[in-house]
Amino acid sequence: MTDHRDPADARLDELFGAWRAEIDEVPIPSLVDPLRAVDVVIEAKKCGRAPAPPDGAGTRPPGDAREETV
């Protein structure tokens, strides 16, 4: 089967593929430490600065969230 795509489209696909490969080869460091983030949220809740989710929202795992992040 022959390829009937526009040569410009094929070149663009090649360019984006090469760009993605170049980006993927450089590791990206974590922006947020998950354990530190959980500590901040827990502390904010204790101070009343983080509202609880509405009933039934299902946004919190059961038990201690810190245990599940490890």
Protein backbone atom coordinates (compact mmCIF):
# COMPACT_ATOMS: atom_id res chain seq x y z
CA MET A 1 0.00 0.00 0.00
CA THR A 2 1.43 3.38 -0.93
CA ASP A 3 1.47 6.40 1.36
CA HIS A 4 -0.72 9.18 -0.09
CA ARG A 5 -0.04 11.67 2.69
CA ASP A 6 1.11 15.18 1.98
CA PRO A 7 4.94 15.33 2.24
CA ALA A 8 4.61 18.33 4.53
CA ASP A 9 2.48 16.26 6.94
CA ALA A 10 5.02 13.45 6.87
CA ARG A 11 7.84 15.91 7.61
CA LEU A 12 5.83 17.45 10.45
CA ASP A 13 5.24 13.99 11.95
CA GLU A 14 8.97 13.31 11.70
CA LEU A 15 9.80 16.65 13.31
CA PHE A 16 7.37 16.15 16.22
CA GLY A 17 8.61 12.58 16.72
CA ALA A 18 12.21 13.76 16.94
CA TRP A 19 11.21 16.59 19.27
CA ARG A 20 9.37 14.20 21.58
CA ALA A 21 12.32 11.78 21.63
CA GLU A 22 14.63 14.66 22.54
CA ILE A 23 12.33 15.77 25.37
CA ASP A 24 11.84 12.21 26.67
CA GLU A 25 15.56 11.54 26.98
CA VAL A 26 16.01 14.25 29.65
CA PRO A 27 14.59 13.15 33.03
CA ILE A 28 12.28 15.60 34.78
CA PRO A 29 12.81 15.85 38.54
CA SER A 30 9.84 15.65 40.87
CA LEU A 31 8.35 19.07 41.50
CA VAL A 32 6.68 18.07 44.77
CA ASP A 33 7.74 15.58 47.44
CA PRO A 34 4.55 13.52 48.04
CA LEU A 35 5.21 12.95 51.75
CA ARG A 36 5.87 16.66 52.33
CA ALA A 37 2.69 17.54 50.43
CA VAL A 38 0.63 15.20 52.64
CA ASP A 39 2.18 16.77 55.75
CA VAL A 40 1.28 20.26 54.52
CA VAL A 41 -2.32 19.24 53.80
CA ILE A 42 -2.69 17.53 57.19
CA GLU A 43 -1.30 20.60 58.96
CA ALA A 44 -3.59 22.91 56.97
CA LYS A 45 -6.61 20.82 57.94
CA LYS A 46 -5.62 21.03 61.62
CA CYS A 47 -5.48 24.83 61.34
CA GLY A 48 -8.81 24.95 59.53
CA ARG A 49 -7.30 26.28 56.31
CA ALA A 50 -8.32 23.34 54.13
CA PRO A 51 -12.04 22.67 53.86
CA ALA A 52 -13.24 19.08 53.98
CA PRO A 53 -14.65 17.71 50.73
CA PRO A 54 -18.43 17.39 50.45
CA ASP A 55 -19.95 14.14 51.70
CA GLY A 56 -19.69 11.35 49.16
CA ALA A 57 -17.02 13.11 47.10
CA GLY A 58 -14.70 10.13 47.52
CA THR A 59 -11.62 12.31 47.40
CA ARG A 60 -9.89 10.83 50.44
CA PRO A 61 -8.62 7.29 50.80
CA PRO A 62 -9.70 5.47 53.94
CA GLY A 63 -7.20 5.53 56.82
CA ASP A 64 -3.97 7.44 56.94
CA ALA A 65 -3.13 8.91 53.52
CA ARG A 66 0.60 8.95 54.37
CA GLU A 67 0.71 5.14 54.51
CA GLU A 68 -0.64 4.79 50.98
CA THR A 69 1.85 7.22 49.38
CA VAL A 70 4.89 5.12 50.26
